[in-house]
Amino acid sequence: MAMESIPHEQIEIDRETFFERSNALKIQTYRQYALGDQLRTLTTEQQLLLEGLLGNDFADNVCHQIVAEDSDRLELLRFQVEDEDVQAWLDDWWNLVKMDDESGETHYAALRDGNYAVSLSYSDEYQRVCIHREPWWNGRSGVFIAYDAQGEPLYAVKDWTALIDGTLMLRRIVWYEDRLERYVAPSGLGGAAFAPFMFSGESSHVQAWEKADGSPLHIPIIHFANSGRGPANYGVSELAGGVIGFQDQINDLQYDIVAAARLTAFQMVTATGVGESKDEDGNPVSMEIGPGKVLRSLNDLAKFGTIPAGDMSQLIAVYNQKMKAVSRMTRTPLHSITGGDWPSGDALQRAEMPLVQKCGRQIKKFTSAWQTVAHRATEIANVYQKANLDEDSMIEAVFGDPRRPDKAQIAQENLAFWQAAQAAAMAGCPIDVYLKREGWTEEEVDSFMEAKRKQEADEEAKTIRVAQATAPSPQAGFGQTA
């Protein structure tokens, strides 16, 4: 049975209850900080000392590096499915919608904001299913998805502002499993002010969203939630939990270091008992100090000295400590944030393990979302393109290895793995049993064993050929009797 339309006031309540406006309002801050549009923490004294350096924006942008390092390891490689027709359609669609770019941008935004969405539509102009990135609701505009007690989507709503007949209005679309509804309200009002919205020539603001047999085509908006710390069904930004505050402190320390350098980075000369020099107009003239210069005074009591350059090591130590704190709280390797010395070998693996584990959890979350995207796309293609694709085929979203190992590390790991496999075989454990214990699938083991049997057969045939080629030729009459 079709779900009844949700009152607009209830949508406001749902967004406030399940997601909280305070979480929504933080999203804009996350977006600004990731772009480097960050708070200035300068005092009046600092502004005077840094004159000439404040004309352009500055940020030691740790926020972007944290999100980028994470999202770069979440690489969607392909969709795969056993049905050849579905696979061919998905491969073609992947290229048409530039899925490599779309998935990468989606992952970055979901990690930055905590929640993001992808919507699907059909374009009569391009004659294909289209994919759109949908920013999450930030308290004013964006997409929101409500869920039932079992975690299934109830409805999705998108709010945005648009010019209609020269007037700025608030547009709203609400998607249900079997239909969508369009509304409009004066900008800044919303709520009960929403009225049905129809394009020219339409007789209803409600549009059916159904398959050929009348069954629901399902909500074409798929939620990407950053896993781990969010309220039920929703995610939380990688920049939540204190990163923004640390970013402000890191920027402030950068300003402090520059200000300290301007004040004390160079040795200074002191002079007492020296009369003030003036030019011919009577204006004070500073002493000329530099390499090869000699300071003189006719006053026998004059004394010259130096103040050594200041030590900024304490400021740099505090800066490094802040970087370590951000690394720890976001589970991002310190060398990835600072660009400093990279550890090698086992040390590199240990340093990256927290991030790899975090990415593994995020991949599980995003895998489900991308599989839903692919499945919804085939359903839409069946309705609007008459693609006749099998909608029951299980589509798998395949991600790359988040470890990003180098060639030397891969070679070392492979050597260690096969040495352990050989040791197990010598101890009486069949190689196929060992591989299954190590997590290989039945298909992978069968493929390996078939390749192994073929290699052994080829080596045996080669040995026979070599033996035949090197055997002595029989002498004429050998073995014959008169």
Protein backbone atom coordinates (compact mmCIF):
# COMPACT_ATOMS: atom_id res chain seq x y z
CA MET A 1 0.00 0.00 0.00
CA ALA A 2 1.29 3.44 -0.94
CA MET A 3 2.60 5.55 1.89
CA GLU A 4 0.58 8.67 2.74
CA SER A 5 2.17 12.05 2.08
CA ILE A 6 4.23 13.40 4.96
CA PRO A 7 3.05 16.81 6.29
CA HIS A 8 5.69 19.47 5.77
CA GLU A 9 5.74 20.22 9.47
CA GLN A 10 6.55 16.55 10.11
CA ILE A 11 9.55 16.77 7.77
CA GLU A 12 10.91 19.62 9.88
CA ILE A 13 10.35 17.56 13.03
CA ASP A 14 12.01 14.47 11.53
CA ARG A 15 15.08 16.40 10.46
CA GLU A 16 15.39 17.99 13.89
CA THR A 17 14.69 14.77 15.78
CA PHE A 18 16.81 12.30 13.84
CA PHE A 19 19.65 14.47 12.61
CA GLU A 20 19.55 17.62 14.78
CA ARG A 21 19.90 21.10 13.37
CA SER A 22 23.14 21.60 15.30
CA ASN A 23 24.75 18.78 13.28
CA ALA A 24 23.36 20.26 10.06
CA LEU A 25 24.71 23.74 10.77
CA LYS A 26 28.23 22.37 11.31
CA ILE A 27 28.32 21.04 7.75
CA GLN A 28 28.95 24.50 6.31
CA THR A 29 31.90 24.92 8.66
CA TYR A 30 33.35 21.58 7.55
CA ARG A 31 33.04 22.61 3.91
CA GLN A 32 34.68 25.98 4.50
CA TYR A 33 37.57 24.56 6.50
CA ALA A 34 38.25 21.82 3.93
CA LEU A 35 38.54 24.59 1.30
CA GLY A 36 40.94 26.56 3.48
CA ASP A 37 38.38 29.26 4.34
CA GLN A 38 39.31 29.23 8.01
CA LEU A 39 39.06 31.46 11.06
CA ARG A 40 41.78 34.02 11.70
CA THR A 41 42.98 34.05 15.29
CA LEU A 42 45.26 37.10 15.14
CA THR A 43 45.57 39.59 17.98
CA THR A 44 46.06 43.29 17.27
CA GLU A 45 49.78 42.97 18.07
CA GLN A 46 50.15 40.03 15.68
CA GLN A 47 48.44 41.95 12.90
CA LEU A 48 50.94 44.81 13.32
CA LEU A 49 53.91 42.43 13.28
CA LEU A 50 52.60 40.57 10.24
CA GLU A 51 51.93 43.67 8.16
CA GLY A 52 52.32 42.82 4.51
CA LEU A 53 51.53 39.11 4.97
CA LEU A 54 47.79 39.28 5.54
CA GLY A 55 46.56 40.37 2.13
CA ASN A 56 45.80 36.83 0.97
CA ASP A 57 44.08 33.97 2.73
CA PHE A 58 46.34 31.63 4.69
CA ALA A 59 45.70 28.19 6.15
CA ASP A 60 47.98 25.34 7.13
CA ASN A 61 45.17 23.18 5.80
CA VAL A 62 45.26 19.99 7.85
CA CYS A 63 41.49 19.49 7.40
CA HIS A 64 41.76 18.93 3.66
CA GLN A 65 44.74 16.61 4.06
CA ILE A 66 42.87 14.40 6.55
CA VAL A 67 39.82 14.03 4.31
CA ALA A 68 41.85 13.65 1.12
CA GLU A 69 44.18 11.00 2.59
CA ASP A 70 41.14 9.00 3.66
CA SER A 71 39.11 9.38 0.48
CA ASP A 72 42.07 8.64 -1.80
CA ARG A 73 42.18 5.15 -0.31
CA LEU A 74 38.50 4.49 -1.05
CA GLU A 75 38.80 3.67 -4.73
CA LEU A 76 35.75 2.17 -6.40
CA LEU A 77 37.20 -0.01 -9.17
CA ARG A 78 34.18 -1.51 -10.91
CA PHE A 79 30.79 -3.14 -10.69
CA GLN A 80 30.75 -6.85 -11.36
CA VAL A 81 27.89 -9.31 -11.82
CA GLU A 82 27.53 -12.80 -13.25
CA ASP A 83 24.84 -11.87 -15.79
CA GLU A 84 26.67 -10.90 -18.99
CA ASP A 85 23.98 -8.50 -20.23
CA VAL A 86 23.86 -6.63 -16.92
CA GLN A 87 27.67 -6.53 -16.83
CA ALA A 88 27.86 -5.09 -20.34
CA TRP A 89 25.28 -2.42 -19.49
CA LEU A 90 27.06 -1.49 -16.25
CA ASP A 91 30.44 -1.24 -18.00
CA ASP A 92 28.98 1.09 -20.61
CA TRP A 93 27.13 3.15 -18.01
CA TRP A 94 30.30 3.43 -15.88
CA ASN A 95 32.07 5.21 -18.72
CA LEU A 96 29.10 7.36 -19.73
CA VAL A 97 28.59 8.86 -16.27
CA LYS A 98 32.35 9.09 -15.51
CA MET A 99 31.97 6.92 -12.45
CA ASP A 100 35.66 7.20 -11.50
CA ASP A 101 35.23 10.93 -10.90
CA GLU A 102 31.73 10.72 -9.45
CA SER A 103 32.69 8.10 -6.88
CA GLY A 104 35.84 9.94 -5.82
CA GLU A 105 34.01 13.24 -5.30
CA THR A 106 31.21 11.46 -3.44
CA HIS A 107 33.62 9.75 -1.04
CA TYR A 108 35.44 13.01 -0.28
CA ALA A 109 32.18 14.86 0.40
CA ALA A 110 30.76 12.07 2.59
CA LEU A 111 33.89 11.98 4.74
CA ARG A 112 34.00 15.78 4.97
CA ASP A 113 30.30 16.36 5.75
CA GLY A 114 29.51 13.05 7.45
CA ASN A 115 26.55 12.47 5.13
CA TYR A 116 26.09 12.82 1.38
CA ALA A 117 23.81 11.39 -1.30
CA VAL A 118 23.69 10.31 -4.92
CA SER A 119 20.51 10.63 -6.96
CA LEU A 120 19.52 8.97 -10.23
CA SER A 121 17.31 10.23 -13.02
CA TYR A 122 16.62 9.51 -16.66
CA SER A 123 17.54 12.03 -19.35
CA ASP A 124 15.43 12.06 -22.53
CA GLU A 125 18.08 14.31 -24.08
CA TYR A 126 20.98 11.94 -23.50
CA GLN A 127 18.88 8.77 -23.56
CA ARG A 128 20.50 7.33 -20.46
CA VAL A 129 20.36 7.08 -16.70
CA CYS A 130 22.12 10.07 -15.12
CA ILE A 131 23.84 10.32 -11.76
CA HIS A 132 23.90 13.47 -9.60
CA ARG A 133 25.83 14.33 -6.43
CA GLU A 134 23.49 15.69 -3.75
CA PRO A 135 24.85 17.71 -0.79
CA TRP A 136 23.29 16.81 2.57
CA TRP A 137 20.86 19.08 4.40
CA ASN A 138 22.80 21.86 6.16
CA GLY A 139 19.89 23.48 7.99
CA ARG A 140 18.80 25.50 4.96
CA SER A 141 19.08 23.35 1.84
CA GLY A 142 20.12 19.92 0.66
CA VAL A 143 18.93 16.33 0.84
CA PHE A 144 17.60 14.45 3.88
CA ILE A 145 16.49 10.81 4.10
CA ALA A 146 14.20 9.56 6.87
CA TYR A 147 14.25 5.91 8.00
CA ASP A 148 11.80 3.57 9.67
CA ALA A 149 12.52 1.47 12.78
CA GLN A 150 14.15 -1.25 10.65
CA GLY A 151 16.52 1.20 8.98
CA GLU A 152 14.68 1.22 5.64
CA PRO A 153 14.15 4.57 3.83
CA LEU A 154 10.71 6.09 4.40
CA TYR A 155 11.10 9.12 2.18
CA ALA A 156 13.75 11.51 0.85
CA VAL A 157 13.37 15.28 0.64
CA LYS A 158 15.43 17.90 -1.17
CA ASP A 159 15.16 21.65 -0.51
CA TRP A 160 16.84 24.35 -2.60
CA THR A 161 16.27 27.94 -3.68
CA ALA A 162 15.48 28.90 -7.27
CA LEU A 163 14.30 31.90 -9.24
CA ILE A 164 10.69 31.50 -10.36
CA ASP A 165 9.31 34.36 -12.48
CA GLY A 166 12.01 36.63 -11.09
CA THR A 167 11.27 35.79 -7.44
CA LEU A 168 13.56 33.74 -5.20
CA MET A 169 11.54 30.76 -3.98
CA LEU A 170 12.16 27.64 -1.94
CA ARG A 171 11.69 24.46 -3.98
CA ARG A 172 11.04 21.06 -2.44
CA ILE A 173 10.77 17.53 -3.86
CA VAL A 174 9.69 14.61 -1.70
CA TRP A 175 10.38 11.10 -3.01
CA TYR A 176 8.51 8.02 -1.90
CA GLU A 177 8.89 4.45 -3.10
CA ASP A 178 6.27 4.88 -5.81
CA ARG A 179 6.09 8.62 -6.56
CA LEU A 180 7.54 12.09 -6.15
CA GLU A 181 5.81 15.29 -5.07
CA ARG A 182 6.86 18.86 -5.92
CA TYR A 183 6.28 21.92 -3.73
CA VAL A 184 7.23 25.58 -3.56
CA ALA A 185 7.20 28.27 -0.86
CA PRO A 186 8.38 31.86 -0.46
CA SER A 187 12.08 31.88 0.35
CA GLY A 188 12.70 31.95 4.08
CA LEU A 189 9.32 30.52 5.05
CA GLY A 190 8.82 26.85 4.19
CA GLY A 191 6.83 24.66 6.57
CA ALA A 192 3.10 25.20 6.23
CA ALA A 193 3.76 27.78 3.47
CA PHE A 194 4.57 25.06 0.93
CA ALA A 195 2.11 24.76 -1.95
CA PRO A 196 1.98 22.25 -4.82
CA PHE A 197 4.28 23.09 -7.72
CA MET A 198 3.63 22.13 -11.35
CA PHE A 199 5.48 22.81 -14.57
CA SER A 200 3.63 24.20 -17.56
CA GLY A 201 1.31 21.58 -19.03
CA GLU A 202 1.18 19.42 -15.90
CA SER A 203 -2.10 18.70 -14.15
CA SER A 204 -0.69 17.44 -10.87
CA HIS A 205 2.30 18.04 -8.62
CA VAL A 206 2.46 14.29 -7.99
CA GLN A 207 4.42 12.18 -10.50
CA ALA A 208 4.27 8.38 -10.53
CA TRP A 209 7.58 6.57 -10.05
CA GLU A 210 6.69 3.00 -10.95
CA LYS A 211 7.79 0.03 -13.00
CA ALA A 212 5.83 -1.27 -15.98
CA ASP A 213 3.87 -3.66 -13.75
CA GLY A 214 2.87 -0.84 -11.36
CA SER A 215 5.29 -1.86 -8.59
CA PRO A 216 7.41 0.87 -6.95
CA LEU A 217 10.58 2.00 -8.72
CA HIS A 218 12.02 2.87 -5.28
CA ILE A 219 13.52 6.10 -3.95
CA PRO A 220 16.25 7.15 -6.43
CA ILE A 221 18.36 8.86 -3.74
CA ILE A 222 21.05 6.75 -2.07
CA HIS A 223 22.60 7.78 1.23
CA PHE A 224 26.38 7.73 1.83
CA ALA A 225 27.01 7.96 5.57
CA ASN A 226 30.51 8.14 7.05
CA SER A 227 30.50 5.21 9.42
CA GLY A 228 31.56 4.83 12.99
CA ARG A 229 30.36 7.66 15.19
CA GLY A 230 27.04 9.00 13.98
CA PRO A 231 23.49 8.73 15.32
CA ALA A 232 21.41 5.80 14.07
CA ASN A 233 21.43 5.64 10.24
CA TYR A 234 23.52 8.81 9.92
CA GLY A 235 27.24 9.55 9.84
CA VAL A 236 29.60 12.10 11.35
CA SER A 237 32.29 14.15 9.62
CA GLU A 238 35.95 13.19 9.89
CA LEU A 239 36.43 16.80 11.01
CA ALA A 240 34.09 16.45 13.99
CA GLY A 241 35.25 15.88 17.54
CA GLY A 242 37.84 18.65 17.82
CA VAL A 243 39.71 18.78 14.51
CA ILE A 244 38.36 22.26 13.70
CA GLY A 245 39.68 23.59 17.02
CA PHE A 246 43.09 22.06 16.42
CA GLN A 247 43.11 23.57 12.94
CA ASP A 248 42.65 27.04 14.50
CA GLN A 249 45.51 26.37 16.92
CA ILE A 250 47.81 25.13 14.15
CA ASN A 251 47.14 28.24 12.08
CA ASP A 252 47.75 30.42 15.14
CA LEU A 253 51.08 28.70 15.77
CA GLN A 254 52.10 29.34 12.17
CA TYR A 255 51.39 33.05 12.70
CA ASP A 256 53.30 32.94 16.01
CA ILE A 257 56.33 31.38 14.31
CA VAL A 258 56.37 34.04 11.59
CA ALA A 259 55.89 36.85 14.12
CA ALA A 260 58.66 35.45 16.34
CA ALA A 261 60.92 35.17 13.30
CA ARG A 262 60.34 38.81 12.45
CA LEU A 263 61.17 39.84 16.03
CA THR A 264 64.03 37.59 17.03
CA ALA A 265 65.24 35.49 14.12
CA PHE A 266 68.29 37.70 13.56
CA GLN A 267 71.01 38.80 15.93
CA MET A 268 70.53 42.41 17.08
CA VAL A 269 73.22 44.99 17.96
CA THR A 270 73.00 47.15 21.10
CA ALA A 271 74.75 50.50 21.65
CA THR A 272 75.00 52.67 24.79
CA GLY A 273 76.73 56.02 25.20
CA VAL A 274 76.49 56.68 21.49
CA GLY A 275 75.10 59.98 20.36
CA GLU A 276 72.20 59.99 17.97
CA SER A 277 73.21 60.45 14.34
CA LYS A 278 71.24 62.88 12.21
CA ASP A 279 71.20 63.75 8.55
CA GLU A 280 71.71 67.24 7.14
CA ASP A 281 68.04 68.00 7.67
CA GLY A 282 68.22 67.04 11.32
CA ASN A 283 66.36 63.79 11.00
CA PRO A 284 67.52 60.77 13.08
CA VAL A 285 69.56 58.25 11.09
CA SER A 286 69.85 54.60 12.03
CA MET A 287 73.24 52.96 12.36
CA GLU A 288 74.46 51.14 9.29
CA ILE A 289 74.87 47.52 10.33
CA GLY A 290 75.92 44.74 7.99
CA PRO A 291 78.76 42.46 6.89
CA GLY A 292 82.08 44.31 6.90
CA LYS A 293 80.65 47.36 8.66
CA VAL A 294 82.55 48.94 11.59
CA LEU A 295 80.71 50.76 14.39
CA ARG A 296 82.62 53.77 15.76
CA SER A 297 81.99 56.35 18.46
CA LEU A 298 84.07 59.27 19.75
CA ASN A 299 82.65 58.75 23.22
CA ASP A 300 85.06 56.79 25.44
CA LEU A 301 82.09 55.42 27.40
CA ALA A 302 80.36 54.01 24.36
CA LYS A 303 79.71 50.28 24.46
CA PHE A 304 78.49 47.88 21.78
CA GLY A 305 76.96 44.47 22.29
CA THR A 306 74.67 41.90 20.71
CA ILE A 307 71.43 40.14 21.49
CA PRO A 308 71.55 36.64 19.97
CA ALA A 309 68.78 35.36 17.71
CA GLY A 310 65.77 34.01 19.55
CA ASP A 311 65.12 30.28 19.96
CA MET A 312 61.87 29.24 18.21
CA SER A 313 62.29 25.56 19.01
CA GLN A 314 59.59 25.70 21.69
CA LEU A 315 57.02 27.05 19.24
CA ILE A 316 57.97 24.41 16.68
CA ALA A 317 57.74 21.69 19.35
CA VAL A 318 54.22 22.81 20.27
CA TYR A 319 53.30 22.87 16.57
CA ASN A 320 54.55 19.30 16.14
CA GLN A 321 52.65 18.20 19.23
CA LYS A 322 49.40 19.62 17.80
CA MET A 323 50.02 17.72 14.57
CA LYS A 324 50.52 14.50 16.53
CA ALA A 325 47.25 15.07 18.39
CA VAL A 326 45.32 15.55 15.13
CA SER A 327 46.97 12.43 13.70
CA ARG A 328 45.93 10.39 16.74
CA MET A 329 42.34 11.61 16.92
CA THR A 330 41.67 11.11 13.19
CA ARG A 331 43.70 7.88 12.86
CA THR A 332 45.66 9.47 10.03
CA PRO A 333 49.41 8.71 9.77
CA LEU A 334 51.48 11.68 10.89
CA HIS A 335 53.73 11.47 7.83
CA SER A 336 50.65 11.77 5.61
CA ILE A 337 49.58 15.00 7.31
CA THR A 338 52.95 16.69 7.61
CA GLY A 339 54.61 15.35 4.46
CA GLY A 340 57.63 14.63 6.68
CA ASP A 341 59.85 11.58 6.91
CA TRP A 342 58.06 8.42 5.86
CA PRO A 343 58.80 5.25 7.81
CA SER A 344 59.64 2.14 5.84
CA GLY A 345 58.92 -1.57 5.98
CA ASP A 346 57.18 -2.82 9.12
CA ALA A 347 57.21 0.68 10.66
CA LEU A 348 55.20 2.00 7.73
CA GLN A 349 52.66 -0.81 8.05
CA ARG A 350 52.21 -0.17 11.77
CA ALA A 351 51.90 3.60 11.23
CA GLU A 352 49.19 3.14 8.60
CA MET A 353 47.25 0.31 10.27
CA PRO A 354 44.72 2.57 12.09
CA LEU A 355 43.86 4.38 8.84
CA VAL A 356 43.67 1.10 6.91
CA GLN A 357 41.28 -0.35 9.49
CA LYS A 358 39.15 2.79 9.38
CA CYS A 359 39.06 2.70 5.58
CA GLY A 360 38.07 -0.96 5.69
CA ARG A 361 35.02 -0.07 7.75
CA GLN A 362 34.14 2.80 5.44
CA ILE A 363 34.48 0.54 2.39
CA LYS A 364 31.92 -1.86 3.86
CA LYS A 365 29.51 1.04 4.33
CA PHE A 366 30.05 2.55 0.89
CA THR A 367 30.02 -0.84 -0.87
CA SER A 368 26.38 -1.33 0.11
CA ALA A 369 25.49 2.19 -1.07
CA TRP A 370 27.17 1.77 -4.48
CA GLN A 371 25.54 -1.60 -5.01
CA THR A 372 22.18 0.07 -4.40
CA VAL A 373 23.11 2.80 -6.90
CA ALA A 374 23.93 0.20 -9.56
CA HIS A 375 20.78 -1.81 -8.91
CA ARG A 376 18.53 1.28 -8.98
CA ALA A 377 20.18 2.33 -12.25
CA THR A 378 19.30 -0.99 -13.92
CA GLU A 379 15.69 -0.65 -12.72
CA ILE A 380 15.42 2.85 -14.20
CA ALA A 381 17.02 1.63 -17.44
CA ASN A 382 14.42 -1.14 -17.69
CA VAL A 383 11.57 1.37 -17.36
CA TYR A 384 12.82 4.17 -19.60
CA GLN A 385 15.21 2.38 -21.99
CA LYS A 386 13.44 -0.98 -22.15
CA ALA A 387 16.85 -2.48 -21.36
CA ASN A 388 15.37 -5.81 -20.23
CA LEU A 389 18.06 -6.32 -17.59
CA ASP A 390 17.77 -8.99 -14.90
CA GLU A 391 16.93 -7.03 -11.75
CA ASP A 392 17.56 -10.04 -9.52
CA SER A 393 21.24 -10.26 -10.45
CA MET A 394 23.51 -9.65 -7.49
CA ILE A 395 25.72 -6.67 -8.34
CA GLU A 396 28.99 -6.31 -6.43
CA ALA A 397 30.87 -3.03 -5.97
CA VAL A 398 34.61 -3.76 -5.95
CA PHE A 399 37.02 -1.46 -4.10
CA GLY A 400 40.80 -1.26 -4.28
CA ASP A 401 43.18 -2.16 -1.47
CA PRO A 402 43.25 0.75 1.03
CA ARG A 403 46.78 -0.18 2.12
CA ARG A 404 48.38 1.27 -1.02
CA PRO A 405 51.51 -0.89 -0.61
CA ASP A 406 54.62 -0.19 -2.70
CA LYS A 407 56.19 -2.77 -4.99
CA ALA A 408 58.88 -3.76 -2.50
CA GLN A 409 56.27 -4.28 0.21
CA ILE A 410 54.08 -6.38 -2.12
CA ALA A 411 57.06 -8.55 -3.07
CA GLN A 412 58.00 -9.02 0.58
CA GLU A 413 54.44 -9.95 1.57
CA ASN A 414 54.09 -12.39 -1.34
CA LEU A 415 57.36 -14.08 -0.45
CA ALA A 416 56.34 -14.43 3.20
CA PHE A 417 52.91 -15.80 2.23
CA TRP A 418 54.22 -18.50 -0.10
CA GLN A 419 57.00 -19.48 2.28
CA ALA A 420 54.33 -20.04 4.93
CA ALA A 421 52.23 -22.00 2.42
CA GLN A 422 55.20 -24.19 1.53
CA ALA A 423 55.92 -24.83 5.20
CA ALA A 424 52.29 -25.81 5.75
CA ALA A 425 52.41 -28.21 2.78
CA MET A 426 55.59 -29.84 4.11
CA ALA A 427 53.83 -30.27 7.46
CA GLY A 428 51.04 -32.18 5.73
CA CYS A 429 48.44 -29.45 5.05
CA PRO A 430 47.24 -29.55 1.41
CA ILE A 431 47.81 -26.27 -0.38
CA ASP A 432 44.13 -25.83 -1.27
CA VAL A 433 43.12 -26.27 2.37
CA TYR A 434 45.75 -23.74 3.45
CA LEU A 435 44.54 -21.15 0.94
CA LYS A 436 40.94 -21.50 2.09
CA ARG A 437 42.06 -20.99 5.69
CA GLU A 438 43.76 -17.78 4.55
CA GLY A 439 40.46 -16.45 3.22
CA TRP A 440 40.64 -17.40 -0.45
CA THR A 441 37.26 -18.06 -2.06
CA GLU A 442 36.34 -21.41 -3.62
CA GLU A 443 36.64 -19.89 -7.10
CA GLU A 444 40.08 -18.41 -6.36
CA VAL A 445 41.37 -21.73 -5.00
CA ASP A 446 39.98 -23.69 -7.97
CA SER A 447 41.55 -21.24 -10.41
CA PHE A 448 44.90 -21.44 -8.64
CA MET A 449 44.88 -25.26 -8.48
CA GLU A 450 44.00 -25.49 -12.18
CA ALA A 451 46.86 -23.14 -13.06
CA LYS A 452 49.18 -25.17 -10.80
CA ARG A 453 48.21 -28.44 -12.49
CA LYS A 454 48.76 -26.88 -15.92
CA GLN A 455 52.16 -25.55 -14.90
CA GLU A 456 53.21 -28.98 -13.55
CA ALA A 457 52.00 -30.69 -16.74
CA ASP A 458 53.92 -28.19 -18.88
CA GLU A 459 57.09 -28.71 -16.82
CA GLU A 460 56.74 -32.50 -17.08
CA ALA A 461 56.26 -32.30 -20.86
CA LYS A 462 59.29 -30.02 -21.14
CA THR A 463 61.39 -32.47 -19.13
CA ILE A 464 60.39 -35.32 -21.46
CA ARG A 465 61.24 -33.25 -24.54
CA VAL A 466 64.64 -32.36 -23.14
CA ALA A 467 65.33 -35.99 -22.28
CA GLN A 468 64.36 -37.14 -25.76
CA ALA A 469 66.47 -34.46 -27.42
CA THR A 470 69.62 -35.33 -25.43
CA ALA A 471 69.32 -39.18 -25.59
CA PRO A 472 72.01 -40.92 -27.79
CA SER A 473 70.89 -42.10 -31.25
CA PRO A 474 70.78 -45.95 -31.67
CA GLN A 475 73.66 -47.37 -33.85
CA ALA A 476 72.83 -49.11 -37.04
CA GLY A 477 72.29 -52.83 -36.50
CA PHE A 478 72.21 -52.47 -32.72
CA GLY A 479 70.35 -55.36 -31.14
CA GLN A 480 70.25 -57.35 -34.43
CA THR A 481 71.66 -60.83 -34.99
CA ALA A 482 73.01 -62.30 -38.15
